[in-house]
């Protein structure tokens, strides 16, 4: 095992998993990606006594510990660790969520807990939080040591505090929050009222598209600086927190309740300066322990705000009205225009329909999901009627990305619709010009004849069903696709056999025949000669 000094240089850490159930320990140790967290060694213990011995002998960064064990509970262990000033983050395991356990664990500064049965994603999320807290605490200690609390470090410490509040890493209890403020030595009033100003920036892909990949990484810092400059009234930089939710980027500003609200020009100037559309949401006044709930509510508003990006909203604004039940688009008209391959008319119909729904405030993420599913079903049924494999046709990265982002905004949905309809109609038109499809099928055979291919693989390469591909191929060429593959292999074999010294067995393998006997049979049937006879003639050896 590496020494403590070398580990610190490499920033590697040790961990321990403690549970009286041996199988639980093995499942956690085996199914957690420890390398992801730079954890070098994972110790195992099956009772508190064994765990204490390991704590005293090794520097344990994070402990995963069962709360309820027969020979001493996990709470007993964390209490002992804190009394002995052991700096370890604890993630607790429990069979059911208990608030009393959570409160006791928080009092001893536990990081979090995972409800059994084991879930790798939840465990990794808790480990991420635990190690971040450890890192934050280390920075706080260093700041205190060098008396930098009221220089640059104070801003970091306070920003970390507000991040913990918004992510509910600190229990939503005013007394506990107050103690945390005292512990971090912050000048924050736990009894004051605040407003959450949440700036939604859309997804990273959109920012990279408008600003370029090289500048996208600077975006969040630039937005935080812009917000600090323009949102006065207590919205200082230490109260600005950037975070991601899946692929969405948010910037949270925690301001005093009497803040002067930002005007529309704040959004308009940001678009010009930062090259990105932002949407601003302002919460109702609330106490500090309610900021997490305000954050969740505003994120839900943003999720459903698919048609009015680039504006300022208050928490009580009616962004979406209730929509009627039933299909939101004219499906019969869509089918008619699709069958007639009237791409321009169909895209205009969809654009008009989407803009009308947006004007009536009937668009939400849920409605966009229904629209996407309805349209996709119409397209897939249409392609199936043309014997085109829709799943293969749309199995590309560009389409998957558009589909994933389609329900985020009206603009994204319309981009998705343009791609879906254009790709569908263009490919159906291409298929109906069968010569181009047959040429592509032939090219696939020429590129892959060495492999074990059949009409299925060839059909997939042009997104058609095998039956339809075979029928189209024979109609165009006069021979079956299977025969074409065989003939092409033999034509290549003839070229190879014409080279002096070529071994027939190697030639057979080179052109896709695993069985030498079968190769000889096919070769003679096609050419009228055995491979030996043909080689002799081609190289002049029969003279």
Protein backbone atom coordinates (compact mmCIF):
# COMPACT_ATOMS: atom_id res chain seq x y z
CA UNK A 1 0.00 0.00 0.00
CA UNK A 2 1.28 3.51 -0.77
CA UNK A 3 2.64 5.57 2.10
CA UNK A 4 0.60 8.42 3.53
CA UNK A 5 3.02 10.99 2.05
CA UNK A 6 2.87 9.52 -1.47
CA UNK A 7 -0.90 9.24 -1.30
CA UNK A 8 -1.22 12.89 -0.43
CA UNK A 9 1.01 13.76 -3.40
CA UNK A 10 -1.21 11.66 -5.68
CA UNK A 11 -4.42 12.86 -3.92
CA UNK A 12 -5.47 9.25 -3.31
CA UNK A 13 -7.74 8.32 -0.39
CA UNK A 14 -8.86 5.32 1.67
CA UNK A 15 -12.41 4.24 2.43
CA UNK A 16 -14.15 1.66 4.62
CA UNK A 17 -17.45 -0.24 4.29
CA UNK A 18 -19.03 -1.41 7.56
CA UNK A 19 -22.03 -3.75 7.80
CA UNK A 20 -22.75 -6.87 9.83
CA UNK A 21 -24.11 -8.51 6.63
CA UNK A 22 -21.10 -9.84 4.68
CA UNK A 23 -22.96 -9.98 1.36
CA UNK A 24 -23.98 -6.31 1.64
CA UNK A 25 -20.35 -5.32 2.15
CA UNK A 26 -19.26 -7.32 -0.90
CA UNK A 27 -22.02 -5.85 -3.10
CA UNK A 28 -21.05 -2.28 -2.17
CA UNK A 29 -17.31 -2.87 -2.56
CA UNK A 30 -17.72 -4.65 -5.91
CA UNK A 31 -20.31 -2.38 -7.52
CA UNK A 32 -19.03 1.08 -6.61
CA UNK A 33 -16.64 2.83 -8.99
CA UNK A 34 -14.05 3.78 -6.35
CA UNK A 35 -11.47 4.86 -8.92
CA UNK A 36 -13.85 7.62 -9.97
CA UNK A 37 -13.36 9.18 -6.53
CA UNK A 38 -9.57 8.61 -6.40
CA UNK A 39 -10.06 6.04 -3.63
CA UNK A 40 -7.03 3.75 -3.54
CA UNK A 41 -7.98 1.26 -0.83
CA UNK A 42 -11.35 0.07 0.50
CA UNK A 43 -11.27 -1.65 3.90
CA UNK A 44 -14.04 -3.95 5.15
CA UNK A 45 -15.41 -4.32 8.68
CA UNK A 46 -18.35 -6.33 9.99
CA UNK A 47 -18.73 -4.73 13.42
CA UNK A 48 -17.90 -1.47 15.21
CA UNK A 49 -14.89 -2.87 17.14
CA UNK A 50 -13.12 -3.93 13.94
CA UNK A 51 -13.97 -0.60 12.30
CA UNK A 52 -12.46 1.40 15.19
CA UNK A 53 -9.18 -0.53 14.86
CA UNK A 54 -9.00 0.37 11.15
CA UNK A 55 -9.79 4.03 11.89
CA UNK A 56 -6.91 4.21 14.38
CA UNK A 57 -4.43 2.58 11.98
CA UNK A 58 -5.37 4.32 8.72
CA UNK A 59 -6.44 7.74 7.47
CA UNK A 60 -10.00 7.00 6.29
CA UNK A 61 -11.52 9.72 4.09
CA UNK A 62 -15.05 8.35 3.79
CA UNK A 63 -16.94 5.58 5.60
CA UNK A 64 -20.02 3.76 4.31
CA UNK A 65 -21.68 2.40 7.45
CA UNK A 66 -24.89 0.58 8.35
CA UNK A 67 -26.86 2.42 11.04
CA UNK A 68 -28.48 -0.61 12.68
CA UNK A 69 -26.04 -3.34 13.75
CA UNK A 70 -26.27 -5.77 16.72
CA UNK A 71 -22.83 -4.99 18.23
CA UNK A 72 -23.01 -1.20 18.16
CA UNK A 73 -24.81 1.18 15.81
CA UNK A 74 -23.39 3.39 13.12
CA UNK A 75 -24.40 6.41 15.22
CA UNK A 76 -22.25 5.06 18.07
CA UNK A 77 -19.32 4.87 15.65
CA UNK A 78 -19.68 8.40 14.28
CA UNK A 79 -20.04 9.77 17.82
CA UNK A 80 -16.80 7.97 18.80
CA UNK A 81 -15.06 9.28 15.67
CA UNK A 82 -16.06 12.87 16.38
CA UNK A 83 -15.02 12.62 20.04
CA UNK A 84 -11.62 11.36 18.90
CA UNK A 85 -11.35 14.12 16.27
CA UNK A 86 -11.24 11.65 13.39
CA UNK A 87 -11.85 13.59 10.18
CA UNK A 88 -13.93 11.12 8.18
CA UNK A 89 -17.08 11.68 6.13
CA UNK A 90 -19.90 9.20 6.94
CA UNK A 91 -22.52 7.90 4.50
CA UNK A 92 -25.06 5.79 6.39
CA UNK A 93 -26.97 2.73 5.19
CA UNK A 94 -30.47 2.05 6.50
CA UNK A 95 -33.35 -0.26 5.62
CA UNK A 96 -35.90 2.54 5.79
CA UNK A 97 -35.82 6.29 5.98
CA UNK A 98 -36.13 7.61 9.53
CA UNK A 99 -36.10 11.32 10.27
CA UNK A 100 -34.78 10.74 13.80
CA UNK A 101 -31.79 8.90 12.38
CA UNK A 102 -31.22 11.68 9.85
CA UNK A 103 -31.35 14.38 12.52
CA UNK A 104 -28.95 12.49 14.80
CA UNK A 105 -26.60 11.87 11.89
CA UNK A 106 -26.68 15.56 10.92
CA UNK A 107 -25.80 16.54 14.50
CA UNK A 108 -22.62 14.50 14.16
CA UNK A 109 -21.95 16.07 10.73
CA UNK A 110 -22.73 12.98 8.65
CA UNK A 111 -22.75 13.58 4.93
CA UNK A 112 -25.89 11.62 4.04
CA UNK A 113 -27.53 8.23 3.93
CA UNK A 114 -28.57 5.59 1.39
CA UNK A 115 -31.71 3.49 1.75
CA UNK A 116 -31.27 -0.25 1.16
CA UNK A 117 -31.34 -2.21 -1.13
CA UNK A 118 -28.05 -0.95 -2.59
CA UNK A 119 -28.29 1.39 -5.55
CA UNK A 120 -24.99 2.25 -7.28
CA UNK A 121 -26.17 5.61 -8.66
CA UNK A 122 -27.45 6.81 -5.27
CA UNK A 123 -24.29 5.61 -3.56
CA UNK A 124 -22.06 7.45 -6.04
CA UNK A 125 -24.14 10.62 -5.61
CA UNK A 126 -23.70 10.46 -1.84
CA UNK A 127 -19.96 9.77 -2.17
CA UNK A 128 -19.66 12.81 -4.45
CA UNK A 129 -21.37 14.98 -1.83
CA UNK A 130 -19.30 13.51 1.02
CA UNK A 131 -15.97 14.09 -0.67
CA UNK A 132 -16.98 17.59 -1.75
CA UNK A 133 -17.81 18.41 1.88
CA UNK A 134 -14.44 17.03 2.93
CA UNK A 135 -12.72 19.20 0.33
CA UNK A 136 -14.72 22.26 1.40
CA UNK A 137 -13.91 21.67 5.06
CA UNK A 138 -10.23 21.35 4.24
CA UNK A 139 -10.29 24.70 2.47
CA UNK A 140 -12.13 26.28 5.39
CA UNK A 141 -9.51 25.00 7.83
CA UNK A 142 -6.71 26.34 5.67
CA UNK A 143 -8.47 29.69 5.43
CA UNK A 144 -8.78 29.85 9.21
CA UNK A 145 -5.17 28.82 9.70
CA UNK A 146 -3.84 31.66 7.60
CA UNK A 147 -6.52 34.13 8.73
CA UNK A 148 -7.91 34.59 5.25
CA UNK A 149 -11.55 34.35 6.28
CA UNK A 150 -12.22 37.96 5.39
CA UNK A 151 -10.18 37.96 2.19
CA UNK A 152 -10.80 35.74 -0.85
CA UNK A 153 -11.67 32.64 1.19
CA UNK A 154 -14.75 34.15 2.81
CA UNK A 155 -16.44 34.51 -0.56
CA UNK A 156 -15.77 30.83 -1.31
CA UNK A 157 -16.99 29.71 2.13
CA UNK A 158 -20.24 31.65 1.84
CA UNK A 159 -20.82 30.49 -1.73
CA UNK A 160 -20.33 26.90 -0.58
CA UNK A 161 -22.87 27.49 2.22
CA UNK A 162 -25.56 28.76 -0.15
CA UNK A 163 -24.88 25.86 -2.50
CA UNK A 164 -25.40 23.45 0.41
CA UNK A 165 -28.68 25.18 1.29
CA UNK A 166 -30.00 25.05 -2.29
CA UNK A 167 -29.03 21.38 -2.70
CA UNK A 168 -30.34 20.58 0.81
CA UNK A 169 -27.02 19.18 1.97
CA UNK A 170 -27.91 21.04 5.16
CA UNK A 171 -31.18 19.89 6.72
CA UNK A 172 -34.03 22.36 6.05
CA UNK A 173 -34.29 23.32 9.71
CA UNK A 174 -33.60 26.91 10.77
CA UNK A 175 -31.86 25.93 14.02
CA UNK A 176 -29.50 23.55 12.22
CA UNK A 177 -28.86 26.14 9.50
CA UNK A 178 -28.11 28.72 12.19
CA UNK A 179 -25.53 26.43 13.78
CA UNK A 180 -23.94 25.87 10.39
CA UNK A 181 -23.69 29.63 9.85
CA UNK A 182 -21.94 29.97 13.21
CA UNK A 183 -19.61 27.06 12.46
CA UNK A 184 -18.56 28.64 9.17
CA UNK A 185 -18.32 32.08 10.82
CA UNK A 186 -20.54 33.73 8.21
CA UNK A 187 -22.30 37.08 8.38
CA UNK A 188 -25.65 35.61 7.31
CA UNK A 189 -28.96 36.29 9.08
CA UNK A 190 -30.82 32.95 9.44
CA UNK A 191 -34.08 34.73 10.34
CA UNK A 192 -34.18 37.11 7.36
CA UNK A 193 -36.36 36.68 4.28
CA UNK A 194 -34.74 36.05 0.90
CA UNK A 195 -35.65 35.77 -2.74
CA UNK A 196 -34.18 33.20 -5.09
CA UNK A 197 -33.40 34.62 -8.52
CA UNK A 198 -32.82 31.64 -10.79
CA UNK A 199 -31.23 32.26 -14.19
CA UNK A 200 -31.85 29.43 -16.65
CA UNK A 201 -29.28 29.24 -19.47
CA UNK A 202 -30.56 26.21 -21.39
CA UNK A 203 -28.24 23.32 -22.17
CA UNK A 204 -24.49 23.18 -22.70
CA UNK A 205 -24.84 22.05 -26.34
CA UNK A 206 -26.77 25.24 -27.16
CA UNK A 207 -24.11 27.42 -25.53
CA UNK A 208 -21.35 25.63 -27.41
CA UNK A 209 -23.30 26.15 -30.63
CA UNK A 210 -23.66 29.92 -30.18
CA UNK A 211 -20.33 30.72 -28.48
CA UNK A 212 -18.09 27.96 -29.79
CA UNK A 213 -16.57 25.15 -27.72
CA UNK A 214 -13.48 27.15 -26.78
CA UNK A 215 -15.52 29.91 -25.09
CA UNK A 216 -18.32 27.74 -23.65
CA UNK A 217 -16.25 26.83 -20.60
CA UNK A 218 -16.02 30.49 -19.57
CA UNK A 219 -19.75 31.10 -19.85
CA UNK A 220 -20.82 30.36 -16.27
CA UNK A 221 -18.15 32.59 -14.73
CA UNK A 222 -19.01 35.41 -17.13
CA UNK A 223 -22.72 35.08 -16.28
CA UNK A 224 -21.97 35.09 -12.53
CA UNK A 225 -19.87 38.25 -12.96
CA UNK A 226 -22.63 39.84 -15.06
CA UNK A 227 -25.26 39.03 -12.41
CA UNK A 228 -23.06 40.37 -9.59
CA UNK A 229 -22.56 43.60 -11.52
CA UNK A 230 -26.20 44.22 -12.42
CA UNK A 231 -28.21 42.75 -9.53
CA UNK A 232 -27.53 44.99 -6.56
CA UNK A 233 -29.44 45.00 -3.30
CA UNK A 234 -27.52 42.21 -1.61
CA UNK A 235 -26.90 40.05 -4.65
CA UNK A 236 -23.13 39.95 -4.12
CA UNK A 237 -20.85 37.41 -5.76
CA UNK A 238 -20.68 35.21 -2.63
CA UNK A 239 -24.42 34.60 -3.02
CA UNK A 240 -24.23 33.42 -6.63
CA UNK A 241 -24.14 29.67 -7.23
CA UNK A 242 -23.78 27.85 -10.54
CA UNK A 243 -25.08 24.28 -10.82
CA UNK A 244 -26.20 21.77 -13.44
CA UNK A 245 -29.41 19.74 -13.56
CA UNK A 246 -28.86 16.90 -16.03
CA UNK A 247 -27.75 18.85 -19.12
CA UNK A 248 -29.29 22.18 -18.06
CA UNK A 249 -27.26 25.08 -16.63
CA UNK A 250 -28.62 27.24 -13.79
CA UNK A 251 -27.24 30.24 -11.94
CA UNK A 252 -28.84 30.93 -8.56
CA UNK A 253 -28.70 34.35 -6.92
CA UNK A 254 -29.79 34.54 -3.26
CA UNK A 255 -30.90 38.11 -2.61
CA UNK A 256 -32.55 39.97 0.23
CA UNK A 257 -36.34 40.07 -0.12
CA UNK A 258 -36.41 43.82 -0.84
CA UNK A 259 -34.13 43.56 -3.89
CA UNK A 260 -34.86 45.78 -6.87
CA UNK A 261 -36.14 43.35 -9.48
CA UNK A 262 -34.19 42.99 -12.73
CA UNK A 263 -35.80 44.53 -15.80
CA UNK A 264 -36.11 43.00 -19.28
CA UNK A 265 -32.99 44.89 -20.37
CA UNK A 266 -31.00 42.64 -17.99
CA UNK A 267 -32.00 39.67 -20.16
CA UNK A 268 -31.59 41.49 -23.47
CA UNK A 269 -28.11 42.77 -22.64
CA UNK A 270 -27.06 39.32 -21.45
CA UNK A 271 -28.06 37.88 -24.82
CA UNK A 272 -25.92 40.42 -26.63
CA UNK A 273 -22.95 40.27 -24.25
CA UNK A 274 -22.89 36.53 -23.45
CA UNK A 275 -24.21 35.24 -26.79
CA UNK A 276 -26.91 33.17 -25.11
CA UNK A 277 -30.61 33.48 -24.27
CA UNK A 278 -31.29 33.48 -20.52
CA UNK A 279 -34.61 33.26 -18.70
CA UNK A 280 -34.97 34.73 -15.21
CA UNK A 281 -37.32 33.49 -12.48
CA UNK A 282 -37.87 35.39 -9.21
CA UNK A 283 -39.23 33.54 -6.18
CA UNK A 284 -41.64 34.86 -3.59
CA UNK A 285 -40.02 36.06 -0.33
CA UNK A 286 -39.19 33.08 1.91
CA UNK A 287 -37.11 32.09 4.91
CA UNK A 288 -33.76 30.48 4.40
CA UNK A 289 -35.01 26.94 5.04
CA UNK A 290 -37.56 27.32 2.21
CA UNK A 291 -35.03 28.22 -0.49
CA UNK A 292 -34.63 24.56 -1.51
CA UNK A 293 -38.39 24.23 -2.11
CA UNK A 294 -38.38 27.51 -4.06
CA UNK A 295 -35.58 26.16 -6.22
CA UNK A 296 -37.52 22.96 -7.03
CA UNK A 297 -40.69 24.92 -7.83
CA UNK A 298 -38.88 27.31 -10.18
CA UNK A 299 -37.09 24.44 -11.93
CA UNK A 300 -40.52 22.93 -12.58
CA UNK A 301 -41.70 26.27 -14.00
CA UNK A 302 -38.66 26.39 -16.27
CA UNK A 303 -39.28 22.80 -17.40
CA UNK A 304 -42.81 23.74 -18.47
CA UNK A 305 -41.77 27.09 -19.96
CA UNK A 306 -41.07 25.81 -23.46
CA UNK A 307 -42.42 28.76 -25.42
CA UNK A 308 -41.38 31.93 -23.56
CA UNK A 309 -37.63 31.82 -23.10
CA UNK A 310 -35.65 35.05 -22.81
CA UNK A 311 -38.05 36.77 -20.39
CA UNK A 312 -38.42 37.51 -16.66
CA UNK A 313 -41.05 35.67 -14.62
CA UNK A 314 -42.20 35.77 -11.01
CA UNK A 315 -43.01 32.58 -9.15
CA UNK A 316 -46.78 33.14 -9.33
CA UNK A 317 -46.89 33.97 -13.05
CA UNK A 318 -49.12 31.72 -15.13
CA UNK A 319 -46.67 30.43 -17.71
CA UNK A 320 -48.79 27.55 -19.05
CA UNK A 321 -52.57 27.24 -19.13
CA UNK A 322 -54.34 23.89 -18.90
CA UNK A 323 -54.61 22.23 -22.31
CA UNK A 324 -57.52 20.23 -23.63
CA UNK A 325 -57.40 16.46 -23.71
CA UNK A 326 -56.76 14.79 -27.01
CA UNK A 327 -54.27 15.24 -29.82
CA UNK A 328 -52.73 18.70 -30.11
CA UNK A 329 -51.94 18.39 -33.85
CA UNK A 330 -54.11 17.67 -36.88
CA UNK A 331 -52.96 14.09 -37.38
CA UNK A 332 -55.06 13.41 -40.48
CA UNK A 333 -53.63 16.43 -42.29
CA UNK A 334 -50.09 15.43 -41.26
CA UNK A 335 -50.61 11.91 -42.67
CA UNK A 336 -52.06 13.30 -45.91
CA UNK A 337 -49.13 15.69 -46.51
CA UNK A 338 -46.64 13.00 -45.56
CA UNK A 339 -48.11 10.50 -48.01
CA UNK A 340 -47.98 13.13 -50.72
CA UNK A 341 -44.37 13.97 -49.73
CA UNK A 342 -45.20 17.67 -49.46
CA UNK A 343 -42.33 18.57 -47.17
CA UNK A 344 -42.61 22.36 -47.30
CA UNK A 345 -46.36 22.36 -46.69
CA UNK A 346 -46.07 19.87 -43.82
CA UNK A 347 -43.31 21.83 -42.07
CA UNK A 348 -45.33 25.04 -42.44
CA UNK A 349 -48.36 23.29 -40.91
CA UNK A 350 -46.30 22.10 -37.93
CA UNK A 351 -44.74 25.56 -37.46
CA UNK A 352 -48.15 27.25 -37.52
CA UNK A 353 -49.61 24.67 -35.11
CA UNK A 354 -46.76 25.00 -32.60
CA UNK A 355 -46.82 28.80 -32.65
CA UNK A 356 -50.62 28.81 -32.18
CA UNK A 357 -50.36 26.52 -29.15
CA UNK A 358 -47.61 28.72 -27.72
CA UNK A 359 -49.71 31.88 -28.19
CA UNK A 360 -52.56 30.18 -26.32
CA UNK A 361 -50.16 29.19 -23.49
CA UNK A 362 -50.93 25.52 -24.06
CA UNK A 363 -47.38 24.27 -24.41
CA UNK A 364 -45.52 22.56 -21.60
CA UNK A 365 -42.84 19.88 -21.39
CA UNK A 366 -45.57 17.26 -21.00
CA UNK A 367 -47.48 18.56 -24.05
CA UNK A 368 -44.28 18.61 -26.12
CA UNK A 369 -43.65 15.01 -25.09
CA UNK A 370 -47.13 14.01 -26.32
CA UNK A 371 -46.60 15.90 -29.60
CA UNK A 372 -43.21 14.24 -30.11
CA UNK A 373 -44.66 10.77 -29.49
CA UNK A 374 -47.66 11.35 -31.77
CA UNK A 375 -45.51 12.67 -34.61
CA UNK A 376 -42.97 9.89 -34.21
CA UNK A 377 -45.72 7.26 -34.38
CA UNK A 378 -47.14 8.78 -37.59
CA UNK A 379 -43.68 8.81 -39.18
CA UNK A 380 -42.83 5.25 -38.12
CA UNK A 381 -46.14 3.88 -39.44
CA UNK A 382 -45.54 5.71 -42.73
CA UNK A 383 -41.99 4.36 -43.05
CA UNK A 384 -43.17 0.86 -42.19
CA UNK A 385 -45.67 1.06 -45.05
CA UNK A 386 -42.71 1.82 -47.32
CA UNK A 387 -40.76 -1.14 -45.81
CA UNK A 388 -38.13 1.23 -44.45
CA UNK A 389 -36.61 0.41 -41.06
CA UNK A 390 -37.23 3.62 -39.10
CA UNK A 391 -35.08 2.62 -36.14
CA UNK A 392 -32.09 2.20 -38.44
CA UNK A 393 -32.83 5.36 -40.40
CA UNK A 394 -32.74 7.51 -37.26
CA UNK A 395 -29.95 5.67 -35.43
CA UNK A 396 -27.47 8.53 -35.61
CA UNK A 397 -25.99 10.89 -33.05
CA UNK A 398 -27.48 14.06 -34.57
CA UNK A 399 -31.05 12.75 -34.39
CA UNK A 400 -30.66 11.31 -30.89
CA UNK A 401 -29.38 14.68 -29.63
CA UNK A 402 -32.29 16.56 -31.23
CA UNK A 403 -34.79 14.05 -29.84
CA UNK A 404 -33.37 14.32 -26.31
CA UNK A 405 -33.62 18.13 -26.36
CA UNK A 406 -36.95 18.39 -28.20
CA UNK A 407 -39.10 18.84 -25.08
CA UNK A 408 -36.88 21.55 -23.56
CA UNK A 409 -38.22 24.42 -25.67
CA UNK A 410 -40.41 25.34 -28.61
CA UNK A 411 -37.32 26.13 -30.70
CA UNK A 412 -35.81 22.71 -30.00
CA UNK A 413 -39.09 20.97 -30.84
CA UNK A 414 -39.31 22.76 -34.19
CA UNK A 415 -35.69 21.83 -35.00
CA UNK A 416 -36.52 18.23 -34.20
CA UNK A 417 -39.61 18.30 -36.41
CA UNK A 418 -37.68 19.74 -39.35
CA UNK A 419 -35.04 17.00 -39.07
CA UNK A 420 -37.60 14.23 -38.62
CA UNK A 421 -39.85 15.23 -41.52
CA UNK A 422 -37.03 16.19 -43.89
CA UNK A 423 -35.10 12.97 -43.30
CA UNK A 424 -38.27 10.90 -43.74
CA UNK A 425 -39.52 12.46 -46.97
CA UNK A 426 -36.04 12.77 -48.51
CA UNK A 427 -35.25 9.11 -47.87
CA UNK A 428 -38.59 7.84 -49.15
CA UNK A 429 -37.95 9.83 -52.34
CA UNK A 430 -34.48 8.30 -52.57
CA UNK A 431 -35.86 4.78 -52.15
CA UNK A 432 -38.36 5.37 -54.92
CA UNK A 433 -35.37 6.10 -57.16
CA UNK A 434 -34.34 2.49 -56.71
CA UNK A 435 -31.18 2.76 -58.78
CA UNK A 436 -29.49 4.90 -56.12
CA UNK A 437 -30.45 2.44 -53.38
CA UNK A 438 -29.20 -0.51 -55.41
CA UNK A 439 -25.90 1.27 -56.04
CA UNK A 440 -25.48 1.84 -52.32
CA UNK A 441 -26.28 -1.80 -51.66
CA UNK A 442 -23.67 -2.87 -54.21
CA UNK A 443 -21.11 -0.57 -52.57
CA UNK A 444 -21.83 -2.16 -49.20
CA UNK A 445 -21.18 -5.60 -50.73
CA UNK A 446 -17.91 -4.36 -52.27
CA UNK A 447 -16.79 -2.97 -48.90
CA UNK A 448 -17.82 -5.97 -46.78
CA UNK A 449 -17.56 -9.05 -49.03
CA UNK A 450 -14.84 -10.51 -46.78
CA UNK A 451 -17.31 -10.64 -43.89
CA UNK A 452 -20.16 -13.05 -43.23
CA UNK A 453 -22.82 -10.84 -44.83
CA UNK A 454 -26.29 -11.70 -46.08
CA UNK A 455 -29.22 -9.73 -47.44
CA UNK A 456 -30.08 -8.73 -43.85
CA UNK A 457 -26.87 -6.74 -43.34
CA UNK A 458 -27.11 -5.20 -46.80
CA UNK A 459 -30.73 -4.18 -46.20
CA UNK A 460 -29.84 -2.60 -42.86
CA UNK A 461 -27.16 -0.50 -44.53
CA UNK A 462 -29.86 1.19 -46.63
CA UNK A 463 -32.53 1.10 -43.87
CA UNK A 464 -34.88 -1.28 -45.73
CA UNK A 465 -36.47 -4.56 -44.73
CA UNK A 466 -34.56 -7.60 -46.11
CA UNK A 467 -37.57 -8.72 -48.16
CA UNK A 468 -38.06 -5.33 -49.79
CA UNK A 469 -34.34 -4.91 -50.44
CA UNK A 470 -34.13 -8.33 -52.12
CA UNK A 471 -37.19 -7.58 -54.25
CA UNK A 472 -35.88 -4.16 -55.31
CA UNK A 473 -32.39 -5.52 -56.07
CA UNK A 474 -33.63 -8.30 -58.30
CA UNK A 475 -35.99 -5.96 -60.12
CA UNK A 476 -33.12 -3.57 -60.92
CA UNK A 477 -30.34 -6.05 -61.68
CA UNK A 478 -32.10 -9.21 -62.82
CA UNK A 479 -30.27 -11.37 -60.24
CA UNK A 480 -30.82 -12.02 -56.57
CA UNK A 481 -28.82 -10.16 -53.94
CA UNK A 482 -27.47 -13.49 -52.66
CA UNK A 483 -26.20 -14.33 -56.14
CA UNK A 484 -24.62 -10.89 -56.52
CA UNK A 485 -22.67 -11.33 -53.27
CA UNK A 486 -21.44 -14.75 -54.42
CA UNK A 487 -20.53 -13.51 -57.91
CA UNK A 488 -18.60 -10.55 -56.53
CA UNK A 489 -16.62 -12.77 -54.19
CA UNK A 490 -15.71 -15.08 -57.08
CA UNK A 491 -14.69 -12.12 -59.27
CA UNK A 492 -12.27 -10.96 -56.56
CA UNK A 493 -11.05 -14.56 -56.12
CA UNK A 494 -10.25 -14.73 -59.85
CA UNK A 495 -8.08 -11.62 -59.56
CA UNK A 496 -6.22 -13.05 -56.56
CA UNK A 497 -5.70 -16.45 -58.21
CA UNK A 498 -4.07 -14.72 -61.18
CA UNK A 499 -1.17 -13.74 -58.91
CA UNK A 500 1.70 -16.27 -59.06
CA UNK A 501 2.20 -18.19 -55.81
CA UNK A 502 -1.24 -17.42 -54.38
CA UNK A 503 -2.48 -20.21 -52.11
CA UNK A 504 -6.03 -21.24 -52.92
CA UNK A 505 -6.96 -21.75 -49.26
CA UNK A 506 -5.80 -18.21 -48.48
CA UNK A 507 -7.80 -16.84 -51.41
CA UNK A 508 -10.93 -18.64 -50.22
CA UNK A 509 -10.57 -17.10 -46.77
CA UNK A 510 -9.76 -13.68 -48.21
CA UNK A 511 -13.05 -13.49 -50.14
CA UNK A 512 -15.27 -14.61 -47.26
CA UNK A 513 -15.42 -18.42 -47.58
CA UNK A 514 -14.65 -20.28 -44.35
CA UNK A 515 -15.09 -23.68 -46.01
CA UNK A 516 -12.53 -24.50 -48.75
CA UNK A 517 -14.66 -27.28 -50.22
CA UNK A 518 -17.68 -25.00 -50.54
CA UNK A 519 -15.50 -22.32 -52.14
CA UNK A 520 -14.31 -24.81 -54.78
CA UNK A 521 -17.88 -25.89 -55.50
CA UNK A 522 -19.14 -22.31 -55.93
CA UNK A 523 -16.10 -21.28 -57.95
CA UNK A 524 -16.55 -24.13 -60.45
CA UNK A 525 -20.29 -23.53 -60.70
CA UNK A 526 -19.65 -19.84 -61.50
CA UNK A 527 -16.61 -20.13 -63.80
CA UNK A 528 -16.75 -23.70 -65.13
CA UNK A 529 -13.29 -24.40 -63.68
CA UNK A 530 -11.92 -25.54 -60.37
CA UNK A 531 -9.73 -22.99 -58.56
CA UNK A 532 -6.64 -25.09 -59.44
CA UNK A 533 -7.56 -25.19 -63.13
CA UNK A 534 -8.29 -21.47 -63.24
CA UNK A 535 -5.05 -20.56 -61.47
CA UNK A 536 -3.05 -22.73 -63.84
CA UNK A 537 -4.62 -21.02 -66.86
CA UNK A 538 -4.34 -17.51 -65.40
CA UNK A 539 -0.65 -17.88 -64.52
CA UNK A 540 0.32 -19.83 -67.69
CA UNK A 541 1.27 -22.94 -65.73
CA UNK A 542 -0.84 -25.21 -67.97
CA UNK A 543 1.30 -24.44 -71.00
